[in-house]
C-alpha atoms as a PDB file:
ATOM      1  CA  MET A   1      16.660 -42.787 -95.996  1.00  0.00           C
ATOM      2  CA  LYS A   2      17.866 -44.435 -92.923  1.00  0.00           C
ATOM      3  CA  PHE A   3      17.455 -48.403 -92.187  1.00  0.00           C
ATOM      4  CA  GLY A   4      17.021 -50.404 -88.942  1.00  0.00           C
ATOM      5  CA  VAL A   5      17.775 -54.171 -88.892  1.00  0.00           C
ATOM      6  CA  LEU A   6      17.076 -56.423 -86.401  1.00  0.00           C
ATOM      7  CA  THR A   7      17.298 -60.578 -86.656  1.00  0.00           C
ATOM      8  CA  GLY A   8      14.913 -62.610 -83.950  1.00  0.00           C
ATOM      9  CA  GLY A   9      14.357 -65.814 -82.769  1.00  0.00           C
ATOM     10  CA  GLY A  10      16.082 -68.695 -82.577  1.00  0.00           C
ATOM     11  CA  ASP A  11      19.266 -68.315 -84.733  1.00  0.00           C
ATOM     12  CA  CYS A  12      20.692 -70.416 -87.813  1.00  0.00           C
ATOM     13  CA  PRO A  13      22.896 -69.924 -90.506  1.00  0.00           C
ATOM     14  CA  GLY A  14      21.965 -67.613 -92.923  1.00  0.00           C
ATOM     15  CA  LEU A  15      21.842 -64.623 -90.925  1.00  0.00           C
ATOM     16  CA  ASN A  16      25.061 -62.642 -90.509  1.00  0.00           C
ATOM     17  CA  PRO A  17      25.158 -62.762 -94.755  1.00  0.00           C
ATOM     18  CA  ALA A  18      21.613 -60.910 -94.607  1.00  0.00           C
ATOM     19  CA  ILE A  19      22.866 -58.627 -91.944  1.00  0.00           C
ATOM     20  CA  ARG A  20      25.292 -58.104 -94.963  1.00  0.00           C
ATOM     21  CA  ALA A  21      23.005 -57.544 -97.962  1.00  0.00           C
ATOM     22  CA  VAL A  22      21.023 -55.496 -96.154  1.00  0.00           C
ATOM     23  CA  VAL A  23      23.734 -53.036 -94.714  1.00  0.00           C
ATOM     24  CA  CYS A  24      25.514 -53.111 -98.441  1.00  0.00           C
ATOM     25  CA  ARG A  25      22.536 -52.752-100.616  1.00  0.00           C
ATOM     26  CA  ALA A  26      21.741 -49.156 -98.358  1.00  0.00           C
ATOM     27  CA  ALA A  27      24.961 -48.250 -98.552  1.00  0.00           C
ATOM     28  CA  LYS A  28      24.675 -48.677-102.342  1.00  0.00           C
ATOM     29  CA  PHE A  29      22.155 -46.703-102.385  1.00  0.00           C
ATOM     30  CA  GLY A  30      23.592 -43.295-100.351  1.00  0.00           C
ATOM     31  CA  HIS A  31      21.660 -44.887 -96.701  1.00  0.00           C
ATOM     32  CA  GLU A  32      22.753 -45.383 -93.401  1.00  0.00           C
ATOM     33  CA  THR A  33      21.155 -48.657 -91.586  1.00  0.00           C
ATOM     34  CA  VAL A  34      21.071 -49.413 -87.574  1.00  0.00           C
ATOM     35  CA  GLY A  35      20.939 -52.084 -85.846  1.00  0.00           C
ATOM     36  CA  PHE A  36      19.182 -53.338 -83.657  1.00  0.00           C
ATOM     37  CA  LEU A  37      20.904 -55.941 -80.683  1.00  0.00           C
ATOM     38  CA  ASP A  38      18.898 -59.485 -79.448  1.00  0.00           C
ATOM     39  CA  GLY A  39      15.418 -59.329 -81.505  1.00  0.00           C
ATOM     40  CA  TRP A  40      12.913 -57.061 -80.497  1.00  0.00           C
ATOM     41  CA  LYS A  41      14.540 -56.232 -77.429  1.00  0.00           C
ATOM     42  CA  GLY A  42      16.385 -54.178 -78.892  1.00  0.00           C
ATOM     43  CA  VAL A  43      13.973 -52.007 -80.954  1.00  0.00           C
ATOM     44  CA  ARG A  44      11.741 -52.041 -77.323  1.00  0.00           C
ATOM     45  CA  ASP A  45      14.860 -50.654 -75.104  1.00  0.00           C
ATOM     46  CA  ASP A  46      16.647 -48.764 -77.501  1.00  0.00           C
ATOM     47  CA  LEU A  47      19.729 -50.950 -77.752  1.00  0.00           C
ATOM     48  CA  SER A  48      21.293 -50.444 -81.240  1.00  0.00           C
ATOM     49  CA  ARG A  49      24.548 -49.983 -83.163  1.00  0.00           C
ATOM     50  CA  PRO A  50      25.564 -48.530 -86.606  1.00  0.00           C
ATOM     51  CA  LEU A  51      26.030 -50.634 -89.587  1.00  0.00           C
ATOM     52  CA  ALA A  52      28.930 -49.776 -91.823  1.00  0.00           C
ATOM     53  CA  VAL A  53      29.961 -51.587 -94.423  1.00  0.00           C
ATOM     54  CA  ALA A  54      33.077 -51.974 -93.069  1.00  0.00           C
ATOM     55  CA  ASP A  55      31.609 -53.515 -90.398  1.00  0.00           C
ATOM     56  CA  VAL A  56      29.901 -56.560 -92.167  1.00  0.00           C
ATOM     57  CA  ALA A  57      32.461 -57.023 -95.008  1.00  0.00           C
ATOM     58  CA  ASP A  58      33.752 -60.717 -93.402  1.00  0.00           C
ATOM     59  CA  LEU A  59      30.266 -61.977 -92.626  1.00  0.00           C
ATOM     60  CA  LEU A  60      29.758 -64.102 -95.549  1.00  0.00           C
ATOM     61  CA  GLY A  61      31.600 -67.231 -93.717  1.00  0.00           C
ATOM     62  CA  LYS A  62      30.181 -66.369 -90.091  1.00  0.00           C
ATOM     63  CA  GLY A  63      28.000 -68.593 -88.368  1.00  0.00           C
ATOM     64  CA  GLY A  64      24.929 -67.043 -86.034  1.00  0.00           C
ATOM     65  CA  THR A  65      24.241 -63.192 -85.574  1.00  0.00           C
ATOM     66  CA  ILE A  66      26.627 -60.447 -84.823  1.00  0.00           C
ATOM     67  CA  LEU A  67      23.260 -58.356 -83.705  1.00  0.00           C
ATOM     68  CA  GLY A  68      22.006 -61.006 -81.427  1.00  0.00           C
ATOM     69  CA  SER A  69      19.094 -62.582 -80.959  1.00  0.00           C
ATOM     70  CA  SER A  70      16.112 -63.379 -78.898  1.00  0.00           C
ATOM     71  CA  ARG A  71      12.354 -64.617 -78.570  1.00  0.00           C
ATOM     72  CA  THR A  72      11.270 -60.932 -77.077  1.00  0.00           C
ATOM     73  CA  ASN A  73       7.321 -60.322 -77.735  1.00  0.00           C
ATOM     74  CA  PRO A  74       7.532 -56.317 -78.261  1.00  0.00           C
ATOM     75  CA  PHE A  75       3.731 -56.280 -78.482  1.00  0.00           C
ATOM     76  CA  ALA A  76       2.765 -58.455 -75.377  1.00  0.00           C
ATOM     77  CA  LYS A  77       1.926 -55.624 -73.195  1.00  0.00           C
ATOM     78  CA  GLU A  78       0.913 -52.308 -74.452  1.00  0.00           C
ATOM     79  CA  ALA A  79       3.519 -49.883 -72.681  1.00  0.00           C
ATOM     80  CA  ASP A  80       6.046 -52.320 -74.852  1.00  0.00           C
ATOM     81  CA  ALA A  81       4.381 -51.688 -77.506  1.00  0.00           C
ATOM     82  CA  THR A  82       4.392 -47.389 -77.112  1.00  0.00           C
ATOM     83  CA  LYS A  83       8.604 -47.944 -76.338  1.00  0.00           C
ATOM     84  CA  VAL A  84       8.881 -49.969 -79.631  1.00  0.00           C
ATOM     85  CA  LEU A  85       7.500 -46.648 -81.423  1.00  0.00           C
ATOM     86  CA  GLU A  86       8.929 -44.228 -79.554  1.00  0.00           C
ATOM     87  CA  THR A  87      12.706 -46.052 -80.301  1.00  0.00           C
ATOM     88  CA  LEU A  88      11.898 -46.208 -84.002  1.00  0.00           C
ATOM     89  CA  ALA A  89      11.231 -42.291 -83.772  1.00  0.00           C
ATOM     90  CA  HIS A  90      13.529 -41.408 -81.812  1.00  0.00           C
ATOM     91  CA  HIS A  91      15.964 -43.027 -84.682  1.00  0.00           C
ATOM     92  CA  HIS A  92      14.278 -40.816 -87.301  1.00  0.00           C
ATOM     93  CA  LEU A  93      14.350 -44.740 -89.476  1.00  0.00           C
ATOM     94  CA  ASP A  94      12.222 -44.742 -92.668  1.00  0.00           C
ATOM     95  CA  ALA A  95      12.284 -48.462 -92.849  1.00  0.00           C
ATOM     96  CA  LEU A  96      12.589 -51.985 -90.160  1.00  0.00           C
ATOM     97  CA  VAL A  97      13.929 -54.893 -91.855  1.00  0.00           C
ATOM     98  CA  VAL A  98      13.064 -57.604 -89.581  1.00  0.00           C
ATOM     99  CA  ILE A  99      14.453 -61.076 -90.571  1.00  0.00           C
ATOM    100  CA  GLY A 100      12.514 -63.774 -88.040  1.00  0.00           C
ATOM    101  CA  GLY A 101      10.756 -66.810 -88.432  1.00  0.00           C
ATOM    102  CA  ASP A 102       6.881 -66.735 -88.324  1.00  0.00           C
ATOM    103  CA  ASP A 103       7.058 -65.202 -84.265  1.00  0.00           C
ATOM    104  CA  THR A 104       9.514 -62.524 -85.513  1.00  0.00           C
ATOM    105  CA  LEU A 105       7.268 -61.601 -88.545  1.00  0.00           C
ATOM    106  CA  SER A 106       4.214 -61.755 -86.505  1.00  0.00           C
ATOM    107  CA  ALA A 107       5.283 -58.426 -84.569  1.00  0.00           C
ATOM    108  CA  ALA A 108       6.786 -57.300 -87.390  1.00  0.00           C
ATOM    109  CA  ARG A 109       2.584 -57.498 -88.652  1.00  0.00           C
ATOM    110  CA  GLU A 110       1.498 -55.780 -85.696  1.00  0.00           C
ATOM    111  CA  LEU A 111       4.401 -52.776 -86.232  1.00  0.00           C
ATOM    112  CA  HIS A 112       2.966 -52.553 -90.004  1.00  0.00           C
ATOM    113  CA  ARG A 113      -0.951 -52.391 -88.884  1.00  0.00           C
ATOM    114  CA  ARG A 114       0.152 -49.921 -86.180  1.00  0.00           C
ATOM    115  CA  GLY A 115       1.618 -47.609 -88.780  1.00  0.00           C
ATOM    116  CA  GLY A 116       5.400 -48.413 -88.766  1.00  0.00           C
ATOM    117  CA  HIS A 117       7.559 -48.874 -91.894  1.00  0.00           C
ATOM    118  CA  VAL A 118       8.617 -52.401 -91.676  1.00  0.00           C
ATOM    119  CA  VAL A 119      10.075 -55.504 -94.249  1.00  0.00           C
ATOM    120  CA  GLY A 120      10.678 -59.080 -93.511  1.00  0.00           C
ATOM    121  CA  VAL A 121      12.813 -61.283 -94.303  1.00  0.00           C
ATOM    122  CA  PRO A 122      11.954 -65.154 -93.355  1.00  0.00           C
ATOM    123  CA  LYS A 123      14.773 -67.336 -91.759  1.00  0.00           C
ATOM    124  CA  THR A 124      14.166 -70.440 -90.295  1.00  0.00           C
ATOM    125  CA  MET A 125      15.918 -73.854 -90.165  1.00  0.00           C
ATOM    126  CA  ASP A 126      12.502 -75.233 -89.841  1.00  0.00           C
ATOM    127  CA  ASN A 127      11.570 -74.029 -93.225  1.00  0.00           C
ATOM    128  CA  ASP A 128       7.546 -73.727 -92.064  1.00  0.00           C
ATOM    129  CA  VAL A 129       7.045 -70.122 -93.035  1.00  0.00           C
ATOM    130  CA  GLY A 130       3.912 -69.597 -95.936  1.00  0.00           C
ATOM    131  CA  GLY A 131       4.769 -68.095 -99.099  1.00  0.00           C
ATOM    132  CA  THR A 132       8.162 -69.225 -99.803  1.00  0.00           C
ATOM    133  CA  ASP A 133      10.146 -72.024-101.411  1.00  0.00           C
ATOM    134  CA  TRP A 134      12.472 -71.929 -98.929  1.00  0.00           C
ATOM    135  CA  THR A 135      14.235 -70.321 -96.130  1.00  0.00           C
ATOM    136  CA  PHE A 136      17.345 -69.851 -95.069  1.00  0.00           C
ATOM    137  CA  GLY A 137      18.994 -71.904 -92.642  1.00  0.00           C
ATOM    138  CA  PHE A 138      17.193 -74.678 -93.348  1.00  0.00           C
ATOM    139  CA  HIS A 139      19.535 -76.126 -96.555  1.00  0.00           C
ATOM    140  CA  SER A 140      22.472 -75.426 -93.681  1.00  0.00           C
ATOM    141  CA  ALA A 141      20.757 -77.598 -90.820  1.00  0.00           C
ATOM    142  CA  THR A 142      20.466 -80.403 -92.325  1.00  0.00           C
ATOM    143  CA  ALA A 143      23.289 -80.856 -93.652  1.00  0.00           C
ATOM    144  CA  VAL A 144      24.640 -80.996 -90.188  1.00  0.00           C
ATOM    145  CA  ALA A 145      21.827 -83.891 -89.322  1.00  0.00           C
ATOM    146  CA  VAL A 146      22.285 -85.963 -92.545  1.00  0.00           C
ATOM    147  CA  ASP A 147      26.314 -86.193 -91.310  1.00  0.00           C
ATOM    148  CA  ALA A 148      25.274 -86.868 -87.343  1.00  0.00           C
ATOM    149  CA  LEU A 149      22.961 -89.297 -88.786  1.00  0.00           C
ATOM    150  CA  GLU A 150      25.581 -91.252 -90.744  1.00  0.00           C
ATOM    151  CA  ARG A 151      27.988 -90.820 -88.173  1.00  0.00           C
ATOM    152  CA  LEU A 152      25.467 -92.800 -86.062  1.00  0.00           C
ATOM    153  CA  ARG A 153      25.527 -95.541 -88.980  1.00  0.00           C
ATOM    154  CA  ASP A 154      28.448 -96.527 -87.923  1.00  0.00           C
ATOM    155  CA  THR A 155      28.301 -97.049 -84.633  1.00  0.00           C
ATOM    156  CA  ALA A 156      24.968 -98.214 -84.688  1.00  0.00           C
ATOM    157  CA  GLY A 157      25.912-101.061 -87.271  1.00  0.00           C
ATOM    158  CA  SER A 158      29.480-101.894 -84.931  1.00  0.00           C
ATOM    159  CA  HIS A 159      26.977-102.884 -82.136  1.00  0.00           C
ATOM    160  CA  HIS A 160      24.141-104.509 -83.886  1.00  0.00           C
ATOM    161  CA  ARG A 161      21.937-101.125 -82.417  1.00  0.00           C
ATOM    162  CA  ALA A 162      18.820 -99.014 -83.417  1.00  0.00           C
ATOM    163  CA  ILE A 163      19.657 -95.684 -82.992  1.00  0.00           C
ATOM    164  CA  VAL A 164      17.439 -92.236 -82.448  1.00  0.00           C
ATOM    165  CA  LEU A 165      17.912 -88.944 -83.944  1.00  0.00           C
ATOM    166  CA  GLU A 166      16.500 -86.389 -82.896  1.00  0.00           C
ATOM    167  CA  VAL A 167      16.331 -83.359 -84.867  1.00  0.00           C
ATOM    168  CA  MET A 168      14.622 -79.785 -84.526  1.00  0.00           C
ATOM    169  CA  GLY A 169      11.170 -79.076 -85.367  1.00  0.00           C
ATOM    170  CA  ARG A 170       7.826 -78.242 -83.856  1.00  0.00           C
ATOM    171  CA  HIS A 171       4.845 -78.276 -86.325  1.00  0.00           C
ATOM    172  CA  ALA A 172       6.355 -79.427 -89.583  1.00  0.00           C
ATOM    173  CA  GLY A 173       8.693 -81.888 -90.095  1.00  0.00           C
ATOM    174  CA  TRP A 174      10.954 -80.257 -93.225  1.00  0.00           C
ATOM    175  CA  VAL A 175      14.478 -81.392 -91.061  1.00  0.00           C
ATOM    176  CA  ALA A 176      13.691 -84.606 -90.381  1.00  0.00           C
ATOM    177  CA  LEU A 177      12.287 -85.735 -94.025  1.00  0.00           C
ATOM    178  CA  ALA A 178      14.614 -83.985 -95.705  1.00  0.00           C
ATOM    179  CA  THR A 179      17.551 -86.197 -92.961  1.00  0.00           C
ATOM    180  CA  GLY A 180      15.870 -88.945 -93.635  1.00  0.00           C
ATOM    181  CA  LEU A 181      15.998 -88.815 -96.853  1.00  0.00           C
ATOM    182  CA  ALA A 182      18.964 -87.765 -97.455  1.00  0.00           C
ATOM    183  CA  GLY A 183      20.741 -89.682 -94.842  1.00  0.00           C
ATOM    184  CA  GLY A 184      18.149 -92.922 -95.470  1.00  0.00           C
ATOM    185  CA  ALA A 185      16.673 -93.614 -92.778  1.00  0.00           C
ATOM    186  CA  ASP A 186      14.762 -96.841 -91.873  1.00  0.00           C
ATOM    187  CA  ALA A 187      11.820 -94.902 -90.307  1.00  0.00           C
ATOM    188  CA  THR A 188      10.956 -90.816 -90.434  1.00  0.00           C
ATOM    189  CA  LEU A 189       8.385 -89.236 -87.575  1.00  0.00           C
ATOM    190  CA  VAL A 190       7.414 -86.289 -88.898  1.00  0.00           C
ATOM    191  CA  PRO A 191       4.614 -83.931 -87.280  1.00  0.00           C
ATOM    192  CA  GLU A 192       2.447 -84.323 -90.026  1.00  0.00           C
ATOM    193  CA  GLU A 193       1.603 -88.083 -89.182  1.00  0.00           C
ATOM    194  CA  LYS A 194       0.331 -89.504 -87.037  1.00  0.00           C
ATOM    195  CA  TYR A 195       2.687 -91.313 -84.816  1.00  0.00           C
ATOM    196  CA  ASP A 196       2.156 -95.445 -85.247  1.00  0.00           C
ATOM    197  CA  GLU A 197       4.102 -96.968 -82.607  1.00  0.00           C
ATOM    198  CA  ALA A 198       3.377-101.057 -84.393  1.00  0.00           C
ATOM    199  CA  ALA A 199       4.973 -99.887 -88.069  1.00  0.00           C
ATOM    200  CA  LEU A 200       7.343 -98.427 -86.254  1.00  0.00           C
ATOM    201  CA  PHE A 201       8.187-101.885 -84.518  1.00  0.00           C
ATOM    202  CA  GLU A 202       7.674-103.013 -87.733  1.00  0.00           C
ATOM    203  CA  HIS A 203      10.524-100.888 -89.431  1.00  0.00           C
ATOM    204  CA  VAL A 204      13.013-101.500 -87.362  1.00  0.00           C
ATOM    205  CA  ARG A 205      13.130-105.016 -86.205  1.00  0.00           C
ATOM    206  CA  ALA A 206      12.959-105.181 -90.110  1.00  0.00           C
ATOM    207  CA  ALA A 207      16.433-103.158 -90.289  1.00  0.00           C
ATOM    208  CA  VAL A 208      17.920-105.343 -88.272  1.00  0.00           C
ATOM    209  CA  ARG A 209      17.106-108.646 -89.854  1.00  0.00           C
ATOM    210  CA  ALA A 210      18.562-106.958 -92.816  1.00  0.00           C
ATOM    211  CA  ARG A 211      21.554-105.116 -91.724  1.00  0.00           C
ATOM    212  CA  GLY A 212      21.729-105.769 -88.293  1.00  0.00           C
ATOM    213  CA  CYS A 213      20.663-102.269 -86.870  1.00  0.00           C
ATOM    214  CA  ALA A 214      18.137 -99.694 -87.718  1.00  0.00           C
ATOM    215  CA  LEU A 215      18.033 -95.605 -87.243  1.00  0.00           C
ATOM    216  CA  VAL A 216      15.575 -93.534 -87.013  1.00  0.00           C
ATOM    217  CA  VAL A 217      14.938 -89.719 -87.198  1.00  0.00           C
ATOM    218  CA  VAL A 218      12.575 -87.941 -85.416  1.00  0.00           C
ATOM    219  CA  SER A 219      10.733 -84.345 -85.627  1.00  0.00           C
ATOM    220  CA  GLU A 220      10.990 -82.762 -81.503  1.00  0.00           C
ATOM    221  CA  GLY A 221       7.491 -82.288 -82.142  1.00  0.00           C
ATOM    222  CA  ILE A 222       5.397 -84.770 -82.834  1.00  0.00           C
ATOM    223  CA  ASP A 223       3.162 -85.989 -80.047  1.00  0.00           C
ATOM    224  CA  LEU A 224       3.393 -89.221 -79.060  1.00  0.00           C
ATOM    225  CA  GLY A 225       0.976 -89.463 -76.504  1.00  0.00           C
ATOM    226  CA  PRO A 226       1.768 -89.572 -72.688  1.00  0.00           C
ATOM    227  CA  ARG A 227       4.791 -89.621 -72.218  1.00  0.00           C
ATOM    228  CA  ARG A 228       7.628 -88.623 -69.752  1.00  0.00           C
ATOM    229  CA  GLY A 229       9.941 -85.012 -69.654  1.00  0.00           C
ATOM    230  CA  SER A 230       6.977 -82.325 -70.663  1.00  0.00           C
ATOM    231  CA  ALA A 231       7.670 -79.170 -68.397  1.00  0.00           C
ATOM    232  CA  GLY A 232       4.896 -77.331 -69.924  1.00  0.00           C
ATOM    233  CA  ALA A 233       6.976 -73.956 -69.766  1.00  0.00           C
ATOM    234  CA  LYS A 234       6.238 -71.694 -72.693  1.00  0.00           C
ATOM    235  CA  ASP A 235       7.713 -68.353 -74.177  1.00  0.00           C
ATOM    236  CA  GLU A 236       6.286 -65.145 -74.640  1.00  0.00           C
ATOM    237  CA  PHE A 237       4.646 -66.070 -77.826  1.00  0.00           C
ATOM    238  CA  GLY A 238       3.024 -69.206 -76.044  1.00  0.00           C
ATOM    239  CA  HIS A 239       4.755 -72.096 -77.844  1.00  0.00           C
ATOM    240  CA  GLU A 240       5.567 -74.842 -75.527  1.00  0.00           C
ATOM    241  CA  LEU A 241       9.441 -75.252 -74.724  1.00  0.00           C
ATOM    242  CA  LEU A 242      10.492 -78.353 -76.378  1.00  0.00           C
ATOM    243  CA  ARG A 243      14.017 -78.950 -75.109  1.00  0.00           C
ATOM    244  CA  GLU A 244      12.859 -81.177 -71.638  1.00  0.00           C
ATOM    245  CA  ARG A 245      10.355 -83.429 -74.044  1.00  0.00           C
ATOM    246  CA  GLU A 246      12.997 -85.812 -74.367  1.00  0.00           C
ATOM    247  CA  VAL A 247      11.144 -87.633 -77.769  1.00  0.00           C
ATOM    248  CA  GLY A 248      14.179 -88.848 -78.663  1.00  0.00           C
ATOM    249  CA  SER A 249      14.701 -90.894 -75.066  1.00  0.00           C
ATOM    250  CA  GLU A 250      11.260 -91.548 -74.765  1.00  0.00           C
ATOM    251  CA  LEU A 251      11.383 -93.091 -78.260  1.00  0.00           C
ATOM    252  CA  ALA A 252      14.362 -95.318 -78.017  1.00  0.00           C
ATOM    253  CA  ARG A 253      12.405 -96.012 -74.437  1.00  0.00           C
ATOM    254  CA  ARG A 254       9.573 -97.505 -76.586  1.00  0.00           C
ATOM    255  CA  ILE A 255      11.438 -99.504 -79.120  1.00  0.00           C
ATOM    256  CA  GLN A 256      14.044-100.978 -76.963  1.00  0.00           C
ATOM    257  CA  GLU A 257      10.917-102.495 -75.491  1.00  0.00           C
ATOM    258  CA  GLY A 258       8.649-103.013 -77.997  1.00  0.00           C
ATOM    259  CA  THR A 259      11.220-105.299 -80.487  1.00  0.00           C
ATOM    260  CA  GLY A 260      13.443-106.355 -77.902  1.00  0.00           C
ATOM    261  CA  VAL A 261      16.709-104.540 -80.103  1.00  0.00           C
ATOM    262  CA  GLU A 262      18.694-102.593 -78.138  1.00  0.00           C
ATOM    263  CA  THR A 263      18.553 -98.748 -78.636  1.00  0.00           C
ATOM    264  CA  ARG A 264      19.971 -95.931 -78.169  1.00  0.00           C
ATOM    265  CA  SER A 265      19.381 -92.266 -79.074  1.00  0.00           C
ATOM    266  CA  ALA A 266      20.943 -89.068 -79.692  1.00  0.00           C
ATOM    267  CA  GLN A 267      19.954 -85.278 -79.709  1.00  0.00           C
ATOM    268  CA  ILE A 268      22.420 -82.547 -81.348  1.00  0.00           C
ATOM    269  CA  GLY A 269      20.119 -79.549 -80.675  1.00  0.00           C
ATOM    270  CA  HIS A 270      21.747 -76.325 -80.912  1.00  0.00           C
ATOM    271  CA  ILE A 271      24.255 -77.969 -82.608  1.00  0.00           C
ATOM    272  CA  GLN A 272      21.994 -77.696 -85.888  1.00  0.00           C
ATOM    273  CA  ARG A 273      22.258 -73.641 -85.381  1.00  0.00           C
ATOM    274  CA  GLY A 274      25.625 -72.917 -85.498  1.00  0.00           C
ATOM    275  CA  GLY A 275      28.431 -72.987 -88.287  1.00  0.00           C
ATOM    276  CA  PRO A 276      28.528 -70.863 -91.969  1.00  0.00           C
ATOM    277  CA  ALA A 277      26.454 -71.402 -93.906  1.00  0.00           C
ATOM    278  CA  VAL A 278      26.468 -73.412 -96.692  1.00  0.00           C
ATOM    279  CA  LEU A 279      26.093 -72.062-100.704  1.00  0.00           C
ATOM    280  CA  PHE A 280      22.849 -72.161-100.598  1.00  0.00           C
ATOM    281  CA  ASP A 281      21.971 -70.565 -97.783  1.00  0.00           C
ATOM    282  CA  ARG A 282      24.674 -67.828 -98.398  1.00  0.00           C
ATOM    283  CA  ILE A 283      23.085 -66.742-101.691  1.00  0.00           C
ATOM    284  CA  LEU A 284      19.484 -67.038-100.615  1.00  0.00           C
ATOM    285  CA  ALA A 285      20.133 -64.476 -97.396  1.00  0.00           C
ATOM    286  CA  THR A 286      21.996 -62.305 -99.686  1.00  0.00           C
ATOM    287  CA  ARG A 287      19.291 -62.173-101.655  1.00  0.00           C
ATOM    288  CA  LEU A 288      15.994 -61.916 -99.760  1.00  0.00           C
ATOM    289  CA  GLY A 289      18.574 -59.152 -97.568  1.00  0.00           C
ATOM    290  CA  ALA A 290      19.173 -56.647-100.588  1.00  0.00           C
ATOM    291  CA  TYR A 291      15.497 -57.570-101.890  1.00  0.00           C
ATOM    292  CA  ALA A 292      14.003 -56.142 -98.605  1.00  0.00           C
ATOM    293  CA  VAL A 293      15.953 -53.368 -99.024  1.00  0.00           C
ATOM    294  CA  ASP A 294      14.215 -52.520-102.426  1.00  0.00           C
ATOM    295  CA  LEU A 295      11.199 -53.009-101.104  1.00  0.00           C
ATOM    296  CA  ALA A 296      11.875 -50.322 -98.456  1.00  0.00           C
ATOM    297  CA  ILE A 297      13.306 -48.216-101.277  1.00  0.00           C
ATOM    298  CA  ALA A 298       9.861 -48.981-103.643  1.00  0.00           C
ATOM    299  CA  GLY A 299       7.867 -47.964-100.393  1.00  0.00           C
ATOM    300  CA  ARG A 300       6.122 -51.408-100.178  1.00  0.00           C
ATOM    301  CA  PHE A 301       5.862 -51.878 -96.599  1.00  0.00           C
ATOM    302  CA  GLY A 302       4.184 -54.533 -95.252  1.00  0.00           C
ATOM    303  CA  GLU A 303       5.587 -57.122 -97.774  1.00  0.00           C
ATOM    304  CA  VAL A 304       8.276 -59.856 -97.376  1.00  0.00           C
ATOM    305  CA  ALA A 305      11.150 -60.649 -99.691  1.00  0.00           C
ATOM    306  CA  VAL A 306      10.552 -64.026-100.733  1.00  0.00           C
ATOM    307  CA  LEU A 307      11.583 -67.042-103.172  1.00  0.00           C
ATOM    308  CA  ARG A 308       9.292 -68.664-105.640  1.00  0.00           C
ATOM    309  CA  GLY A 309      11.254 -70.758-107.914  1.00  0.00           C
ATOM    310  CA  ALA A 310      14.174 -69.235-109.166  1.00  0.00           C
ATOM    311  CA  THR A 311      12.541 -65.608-108.374  1.00  0.00           C
ATOM    312  CA  VAL A 312      12.757 -63.687-105.741  1.00  0.00           C
ATOM    313  CA  THR A 313       9.984 -61.213-104.858  1.00  0.00           C
ATOM    314  CA  GLY A 314       7.559 -59.710-102.463  1.00  0.00           C
ATOM    315  CA  ILE A 315       4.510 -60.912-100.933  1.00  0.00           C
ATOM    316  CA  PRO A 316       2.739 -59.499 -97.994  1.00  0.00           C
ATOM    317  CA  LEU A 317       3.424 -60.018 -94.665  1.00  0.00           C
ATOM    318  CA  GLU A 318      -0.841 -61.486 -94.259  1.00  0.00           C
ATOM    319  CA  GLU A 319       0.216 -63.911 -96.671  1.00  0.00           C
ATOM    320  CA  ALA A 320       3.605 -64.962 -95.016  1.00  0.00           C
ATOM    321  CA  LEU A 321       1.862 -65.480 -91.817  1.00  0.00           C
ATOM    322  CA  GLY A 322      -1.596 -66.985 -92.832  1.00  0.00           C
ATOM    323  CA  LYS A 323      -0.515 -70.220 -92.679  1.00  0.00           C
ATOM    324  CA  PRO A 324       2.307 -72.206 -91.659  1.00  0.00           C
ATOM    325  CA  LYS A 325       4.207 -74.672 -94.445  1.00  0.00           C
ATOM    326  CA  THR A 326       4.186 -77.966 -93.553  1.00  0.00           C
ATOM    327  CA  VAL A 327       5.275 -81.277 -95.108  1.00  0.00           C
ATOM    328  CA  THR A 328       3.070 -82.525 -98.058  1.00  0.00           C
ATOM    329  CA  PRO A 329       1.468 -85.701 -99.292  1.00  0.00           C
ATOM    330  CA  ASP A 330       3.524 -85.799-102.008  1.00  0.00           C
ATOM    331  CA  TRP A 331       7.018 -85.333-100.001  1.00  0.00           C
ATOM    332  CA  LEU A 332       5.658 -88.250 -97.898  1.00  0.00           C
ATOM    333  CA  ASP A 333       4.583 -90.600-100.083  1.00  0.00           C
ATOM    334  CA  LEU A 334       8.240 -90.444-101.440  1.00  0.00           C
ATOM    335  CA  LEU A 335       9.639 -90.455 -98.217  1.00  0.00           C
ATOM    336  CA  HIS A 336       7.640 -93.679 -97.446  1.00  0.00           C
ATOM    337  CA  THR A 337       8.805 -95.509-100.780  1.00  0.00           C
ATOM    338  CA  PHE A 338      12.485 -96.017 -98.819  1.00  0.00           C
ATOM    339  CA  ASP A 339      11.442 -97.087 -95.817  1.00  0.00           C
ATOM    340  CA  ALA A 340      13.029-100.392 -94.377  1.00  0.00           C
END
């Protein structure tokens, strides 16, 4: 067989280990692999490179993706869809392994509907792909965010301030939740809960009274109502670009005005995406990449390799994309146990 592999959407730790697993698993059974560059753009524009075991041997400890990535939607225009099918036919591919989040996998689903032999590997630091317990990238990103929060605690205590840490998360608050829980934030705001400004101000006041400082974690996608800094620009999949929303700085302004506590904000942004994957993500990415090859060899196209409990299995793309995985009430109940 001849495999193709691509990485699409936002980068995160674990992509290179997943690529390595695909190439090595395919090679174990005598199959070859070609890598498409810059996500779906590489398939649309026929940009690729051959991948042998020697090309991926040292990827476990490297962040990013050697194939590059983009947020290209290859099915936004019918002319682009035609190019995708022509590229796959030109390379005589037997299977395409698509590594990505909801948007990248939604394009894989469309390719499958058009008869393409495709299997998926879910990745996102947001941990919001349905049908899987964890996605690789999440544990690595939250480890960075927790480290940032602990550093901010030192400076907040030194200056008797409140500090707001803005982390990634559009519709799901898993990164903020994990950061707030593991880092001991005094308040954590996630998209799954309605913003309660009065309650937030009280948490900040209580923390300052008790410890002389306060730490607030907020997801970048939370709805604060009318705010500054919303540009309204969208990507190719129709999502608002969040970099302009300035949620952290807006929240810091409101806290300082509402409580009288001097407040600062920090946005670690893409720092969460870089660097090598932590142990859990390296192993998860390796297991999922290898299993995606197994799915293709078994002819189970249109499926995604996912982790359920301790077991890696395959589920239909439709199931994985049916409903985003958001923070559940039991997690929110645990979170609020530790509010200031």
